[in-house]
Protein backbone atom coordinates (compact mmCIF):
# COMPACT_ATOMS: atom_id res chain seq x y z
CA MET A 1 24.78 16.79 -28.35
CA THR A 2 22.85 19.68 -27.06
CA SER A 3 22.84 20.76 -23.42
CA ASP A 4 19.41 19.34 -22.73
CA ILE A 5 20.36 16.11 -23.95
CA ARG A 6 23.48 15.95 -22.31
CA LEU A 7 21.86 17.07 -19.08
CA ALA A 8 18.96 14.86 -19.40
CA PHE A 9 21.51 11.87 -18.52
CA GLU A 10 23.54 13.58 -15.94
CA HIS A 11 23.38 12.92 -12.45
CA PRO A 12 20.42 15.01 -10.74
CA SER A 13 23.14 17.37 -8.94
CA ALA A 14 23.99 18.34 -12.53
CA ARG A 15 20.16 18.99 -13.42
CA ALA A 16 19.67 20.63 -9.92
CA GLU A 17 22.29 23.02 -11.08
CA ALA A 18 21.25 24.00 -14.47
CA ALA A 19 17.30 24.39 -13.14
CA GLY A 20 17.19 27.76 -12.87
CA GLN A 21 19.49 29.99 -10.55
CA PRO A 22 17.70 32.87 -8.45
CA SER A 23 20.06 35.40 -7.31
CA ARG A 24 20.98 33.37 -4.25
CA PRO A 25 20.95 29.77 -5.31
CA PRO A 26 19.34 27.49 -2.80
CA ASP A 27 21.54 25.34 -0.86
CA ARG A 28 21.45 21.34 -1.64
CA ILE A 29 21.82 18.43 0.09
CA SER A 30 22.26 14.82 -1.94
CA LEU A 31 22.05 11.28 -1.42
CA ARG A 32 23.85 9.35 -4.40
CA ASP A 33 24.50 5.63 -5.58
CA HIS A 34 22.06 4.58 -2.26
CA VAL A 35 21.50 0.88 -3.23
CA VAL A 36 18.57 -1.01 -1.69
CA GLU A 37 17.16 -4.41 -2.66
CA ALA A 38 13.10 -4.69 -2.91
CA ASP A 39 10.39 -6.55 -4.29
CA ILE A 40 9.00 -3.94 -7.08
CA GLY A 41 7.71 -4.38 -10.31
CA ALA A 42 4.53 -4.75 -12.84
CA PHE A 43 5.76 -7.92 -14.50
CA GLN A 44 5.33 -11.61 -13.06
CA GLN A 45 9.23 -12.32 -13.22
CA GLU A 46 9.65 -9.44 -10.83
CA ARG A 47 7.25 -10.70 -8.12
CA GLY A 48 8.30 -12.64 -5.37
CA GLY A 49 12.22 -11.65 -5.32
CA ASN A 50 14.12 -8.67 -4.71
CA GLN A 51 16.08 -6.85 -7.18
CA ARG A 52 18.57 -3.84 -6.63
CA LEU A 53 17.34 -0.06 -7.04
CA ALA A 54 19.71 2.75 -7.23
CA PHE A 55 18.43 6.18 -5.56
CA ASN A 56 20.08 9.15 -6.09
CA VAL A 57 18.14 12.16 -4.45
CA VAL A 58 19.05 16.22 -4.21
CA VAL A 59 17.06 18.41 -2.10
CA GLU A 60 17.15 21.89 -2.73
CA VAL A 61 16.55 24.05 0.82
CA ALA A 62 15.81 26.87 2.28
CA PRO A 63 19.00 29.10 3.61
CA PRO A 64 18.85 29.02 7.30
CA ALA A 65 17.06 31.66 9.14
CA GLU A 66 19.93 31.86 11.81
CA ARG A 67 23.36 30.86 12.36
CA ILE A 68 23.73 27.11 12.41
CA ASP A 69 26.25 26.81 14.93
CA ASP A 70 26.73 23.13 14.46
CA ASP A 71 23.54 22.19 15.36
CA VAL A 72 22.18 19.24 13.22
CA ASP A 73 18.56 20.36 14.39
CA LYS A 74 18.76 22.94 12.26
CA ILE A 75 19.51 21.68 9.16
CA LEU A 76 17.66 19.05 6.86
CA SER A 77 19.53 15.64 7.89
CA TYR A 78 20.14 13.12 5.23
CA ASP A 79 18.29 10.68 7.34
CA THR A 80 15.13 12.68 6.18
CA ILE A 81 16.13 11.25 2.59
CA THR A 82 17.21 7.59 3.54
CA GLU A 83 14.26 7.36 6.11
CA ALA A 84 11.85 8.45 3.25
CA ILE A 85 12.74 5.59 0.99
CA ALA A 86 12.93 3.19 3.48
CA HIS A 87 9.34 4.17 4.55
CA GLU A 88 7.90 3.87 1.25
CA LEU A 89 9.76 0.72 0.39
CA ALA A 90 8.16 -0.56 3.43
CA GLU A 91 5.03 0.95 3.26
CA GLU A 92 3.54 -1.55 0.52
CA ARG A 93 4.61 -3.53 -2.30
CA LEU A 94 4.40 -1.31 -5.36
CA ASN A 95 4.35 -1.90 -9.05
CA LEU A 96 6.16 1.69 -10.73
CA LEU A 97 9.20 3.41 -9.91
CA GLU A 98 7.33 6.70 -10.60
CA THR A 99 5.00 5.81 -8.04
CA LEU A 100 7.69 5.13 -5.89
CA ALA A 101 9.51 8.43 -6.74
CA GLU A 102 6.35 10.68 -6.29
CA ARG A 103 6.18 9.17 -2.72
CA ILE A 104 9.67 9.94 -1.66
CA ALA A 105 9.27 13.28 -3.15
CA ASP A 106 6.33 14.22 -1.00
CA ARG A 107 7.42 13.09 1.99
CA ILE A 108 11.04 14.47 1.52
CA LEU A 109 8.76 17.95 0.75
CA HIS A 110 6.95 17.73 4.03
CA ALA A 111 10.24 18.38 5.68
CA PRO A 112 9.87 22.46 6.55
CA GLN A 113 13.46 23.38 4.89
CA ALA A 114 12.90 21.66 1.56
CA LEU A 115 11.81 23.54 -1.01
CA ARG A 116 12.64 21.12 -4.30
CA VAL A 117 13.71 17.58 -4.74
CA PHE A 118 15.06 15.92 -7.95
CA VAL A 119 14.66 12.28 -7.08
CA ARG A 120 16.23 9.55 -9.75
CA ILE A 121 15.38 5.71 -9.31
CA GLU A 122 17.17 2.89 -11.36
CA LYS A 123 16.71 -0.63 -11.67
CA LEU A 124 19.88 -2.68 -11.95
CA ASP A 125 18.84 -5.95 -12.54
CA ARG A 126 16.51 -5.51 -15.25
CA GLY A 127 18.66 -5.15 -18.10
CA PRO A 128 22.14 -4.44 -19.88
CA GLY A 129 22.32 -1.19 -18.28
CA ALA A 130 20.15 0.81 -15.72
CA LEU A 131 16.56 1.18 -16.11
CA GLY A 132 14.77 4.01 -14.32
CA VAL A 133 12.97 7.35 -13.74
CA GLU A 134 13.83 10.59 -12.72
CA ILE A 135 10.80 13.54 -11.39
CA VAL A 136 11.29 17.18 -10.07
CA ARG A 137 8.96 18.25 -7.52
CA ALA A 138 8.60 21.71 -5.89
CA ARG A 139 7.03 22.69 -2.46
CA GLY A 140 3.53 23.42 -3.18
CA GLU A 141 3.42 20.91 -6.05
CA VAL A 142 2.73 18.15 -4.00
CA PRO A 143 -0.88 17.17 -2.87
CA PRO A 144 -1.67 17.31 0.77
CA ALA A 145 -0.17 15.00 3.04
CA ALA A 146 -2.35 11.74 3.79
CA ALA A 147 -4.80 11.72 6.36
CA ASP A 148 -3.70 11.11 10.08
CA ALA A 149 -4.62 7.53 11.30
CA ASP A 150 -7.19 8.96 13.45
CA ASP A 151 -8.84 10.12 10.59
CA VAL A 152 -9.19 6.53 8.98
CA PRO A 153 -12.15 4.69 9.57
CA HIS A 154 -11.94 1.74 11.77
CA PRO A 155 -14.23 -1.14 10.37
CA ARG A 156 -16.00 -4.31 11.46
CA VAL A 157 -14.41 -7.20 9.63
CA VAL A 158 -17.24 -9.89 8.97
CA HIS A 159 -16.16 -13.33 8.06
CA LEU A 160 -18.98 -14.97 6.60
CA ALA A 161 -18.65 -19.13 6.30
CA ASN A 162 -20.53 -20.70 3.15
CA ALA A 163 -23.36 -21.45 4.95
CA ALA A 164 -23.67 -17.69 5.94
CA ILE A 165 -23.40 -16.81 2.42
CA ALA A 166 -26.31 -18.81 1.38
CA ALA A 167 -28.41 -18.48 4.32
CA ASP A 168 -31.93 -16.54 3.95
CA THR A 169 -30.93 -14.56 6.58
CA LEU A 170 -28.32 -12.65 4.62
CA ALA A 171 -30.13 -9.93 4.09
CA ALA A 172 -31.13 -9.27 7.69
CA LEU A 173 -27.48 -9.37 8.20
CA LEU A 174 -26.60 -6.72 5.73
CA ASP A 175 -29.82 -4.53 7.55
CA ALA A 176 -27.87 -4.85 11.08
CA LEU A 177 -24.52 -4.12 9.85
CA GLU A 178 -25.87 -0.98 7.94
CA ALA A 179 -28.35 0.18 10.83
CA ALA A 180 -24.90 -0.21 13.41
CA GLY A 181 -23.40 2.70 11.55
CA GLN A 182 -20.03 1.51 11.41
CA PRO A 183 -18.21 0.79 8.20
CA ALA A 184 -18.13 -2.90 7.78
CA ILE A 185 -16.11 -5.34 5.32
CA LEU A 186 -16.93 -8.92 4.49
CA CYS A 187 -14.61 -11.54 3.99
CA VAL A 188 -15.19 -15.27 2.75
CA GLY A 189 -13.39 -18.16 2.26
CA PRO A 190 -12.88 -20.25 -0.96
CA HIS A 191 -16.16 -21.81 -2.50
CA ASP A 192 -16.90 -25.79 -1.74
CA ALA A 193 -16.20 -26.69 -5.33
CA PRO A 194 -13.00 -28.75 -5.72
CA VAL A 195 -10.25 -26.23 -6.29
CA PRO A 196 -7.44 -27.27 -8.91
CA GLN A 197 -3.92 -28.52 -7.24
CA THR A 198 -0.78 -27.48 -8.72
CA GLY A 199 1.95 -28.87 -6.70
CA HIS A 200 3.67 -25.53 -6.83
CA ALA A 201 3.63 -23.24 -3.84
CA MET A 202 3.44 -19.53 -6.01
CA THR A 203 0.63 -20.96 -8.61
CA GLN A 204 -1.18 -22.78 -5.76
CA ARG A 205 -1.50 -19.73 -3.59
CA ARG A 206 -2.79 -17.54 -6.61
CA ILE A 207 -5.50 -20.38 -7.38
CA ASP A 208 -6.48 -20.42 -3.75
CA LEU A 209 -6.86 -16.43 -3.69
CA LEU A 210 -8.77 -16.75 -7.17
CA ALA A 211 -11.32 -19.54 -5.22
CA ILE A 212 -11.83 -16.86 -2.75
CA GLU A 213 -12.32 -14.31 -5.18
CA GLN A 214 -14.86 -16.17 -6.82
CA ASN A 215 -16.76 -16.77 -3.49
CA ALA A 216 -16.96 -13.13 -3.21
CA TRP A 217 -18.48 -12.56 -6.48
CA VAL A 218 -21.07 -15.00 -5.36
CA LEU A 219 -21.57 -13.25 -2.45
CA ALA A 220 -22.11 -10.13 -4.32
CA ALA A 221 -24.86 -11.57 -6.43
CA ARG A 222 -26.83 -12.44 -3.90
CA ASP A 223 -27.21 -8.60 -2.65
CA PRO A 224 -26.46 -5.69 -4.33
CA ARG A 225 -24.90 -4.14 -1.50
CA CYS A 226 -22.17 -6.17 -1.33
CA VAL A 227 -19.58 -4.46 -3.68
CA VAL A 228 -16.38 -6.70 -4.37
CA VAL A 229 -13.07 -4.49 -4.00
CA ALA A 230 -9.52 -5.05 -4.04
CA THR A 231 -7.18 -2.21 -3.43
CA ARG A 232 -6.75 0.05 -0.08
CA THR A 233 -7.80 3.05 -1.89
CA GLU A 234 -11.17 1.16 -3.01
CA LEU A 235 -11.79 0.04 0.81
CA ASP A 236 -10.63 3.56 2.28
CA TRP A 237 -13.55 5.22 -0.08
CA ALA A 238 -15.89 2.86 0.61
CA MET A 239 -15.61 3.01 4.55
CA LYS A 240 -15.89 6.69 4.48
CA HIS A 241 -19.20 6.64 2.10
CA GLY A 242 -20.96 3.84 3.95
CA GLN A 243 -20.49 1.07 1.28
CA ILE A 244 -20.76 -2.51 2.40
CA SER A 245 -17.44 -4.17 0.89
CA VAL A 246 -16.68 -7.84 0.13
CA TRP A 247 -12.46 -8.04 0.19
CA ALA A 248 -10.99 -9.65 -2.84
CA PRO A 249 -7.74 -10.42 -1.24
CA SER A 250 -5.31 -11.03 -4.06
CA LYS A 251 -3.93 -7.38 -4.57
CA ILE A 252 -3.23 -6.76 -1.26
CA VAL A 253 -1.99 -10.00 -0.08
CA LEU A 254 0.30 -10.33 -3.10
CA ASP A 255 1.52 -6.65 -2.89
CA ALA A 256 1.95 -6.68 1.12
CA VAL A 257 5.53 -6.57 2.37
CA ASP A 258 4.75 -8.45 5.05
CA GLY A 259 1.98 -10.86 3.75
CA PRO A 260 0.02 -13.50 5.84
CA SER A 261 1.99 -16.94 6.68
CA ALA A 262 -0.84 -18.96 6.48
CA SER A 263 -2.04 -20.61 3.29
CA PRO A 264 -5.36 -18.49 1.62
CA ARG A 265 -7.32 -22.26 2.49
CA GLU A 266 -7.14 -21.26 5.95
CA ALA A 267 -9.64 -18.45 5.38
CA GLY A 268 -9.83 -17.55 8.95
CA ALA A 269 -6.42 -16.91 9.35
CA LEU A 270 -6.57 -14.67 6.21
CA SER A 271 -9.19 -13.00 7.43
CA ALA A 272 -7.82 -12.34 10.92
CA TRP A 273 -4.46 -10.84 9.45
CA PHE A 274 -6.55 -8.81 7.19
CA ALA A 275 -8.39 -7.54 10.46
CA GLU A 276 -5.05 -6.53 11.70
CA LEU A 277 -3.72 -4.99 8.71
CA ILE A 278 -7.07 -2.85 8.39
CA GLN A 279 -6.99 -2.01 12.31
CA ALA A 280 -10.49 -3.57 12.63
CA THR A 281 -12.25 -2.78 15.94
CA GLU A 282 -13.18 -6.12 15.83
CA LEU A 283 -13.55 -9.37 13.75
CA VAL A 284 -16.86 -10.90 13.89
CA VAL A 285 -17.52 -14.49 12.54
CA VAL A 286 -20.72 -15.71 11.15
CA GLY A 287 -20.71 -19.35 11.14
CA ASP A 288 -17.75 -21.17 11.43
CA ALA A 289 -15.34 -19.37 13.58
CA PRO A 290 -11.64 -19.07 12.64
CA PRO A 291 -9.00 -19.73 15.09
CA GLU A 292 -8.86 -17.28 17.81
CA THR A 293 -7.02 -14.28 17.26
CA ASP A 294 -5.76 -10.91 19.20
CA LEU A 295 -8.78 -9.35 17.80
CA ALA A 296 -12.20 -9.40 19.79
CA THR A 297 -13.72 -12.63 18.00
CA ARG A 298 -17.10 -13.79 18.69
CA ALA A 299 -18.98 -16.60 16.56
CA LEU A 300 -22.49 -15.46 15.92
CA ALA A 301 -25.52 -17.82 14.96
CA LEU A 302 -26.61 -17.19 10.94
CA GLY A 303 -27.94 -13.55 10.87
CA GLU A 304 -27.77 -12.42 14.51
CA MET A 305 -25.92 -9.05 15.26
CA PRO A 306 -24.54 -7.87 18.59
């Protein structure tokens, strides 16, 4: 077995030691065999339940510019690694280990002492062995840090009852939303046609979400300004570029670590959960009002805007 092949299956610490040796090798801190349970994976059978993930991380750090003097504030803490893992697992449900590894590496490399990071993540419950990925990232290779919360637009979420979708005043409502100059995201409930009933909670949830998305496309057909979007990335782009979005909820709801407790059939409650998630300035209701929420909720006549 060649050294390259052998190293491919070695622990990240061995990979780190073999990957280039400057005149003064960097110091390293490591986290080995850190096992966490998480809901992750692209396959249907992986959704809705946790599986064990094993994390092995090595971080090369810059030599201290001064004596450490046993001061924890002068070194890169192990908590930087474990907190990066916990933060990214809690942020949203992910399909790919590759995405999770990239985000963990990015978060660690924004620590001022970190020079290079080796991240290996393995699924322990998907087969007879451990299935995983390993990445190596260095300072300067990672993209800029994500925008601060203050840089993210805070939209107005507008819940449209089915009567509002069909009303002749829809165009006037959209005109008013555009004129307001604030990002707007439209939410709808399920269509009025009967929705199939399965008697099975997980499949029924998906069917109910699809009924909402069908109604979103009905709204999109009524006015080209209503663009159906499903991901947070699309929503952020739309808000920054003045596009009116119609929320298709399946992906965000199913991927949420702490999803809505209400059924998708309770459309008002789902819109309220989404408005809170997206940090909306207000939830406006056009037509039938959903239950009161912690946000400023107002029921408006069809086509009327504040």
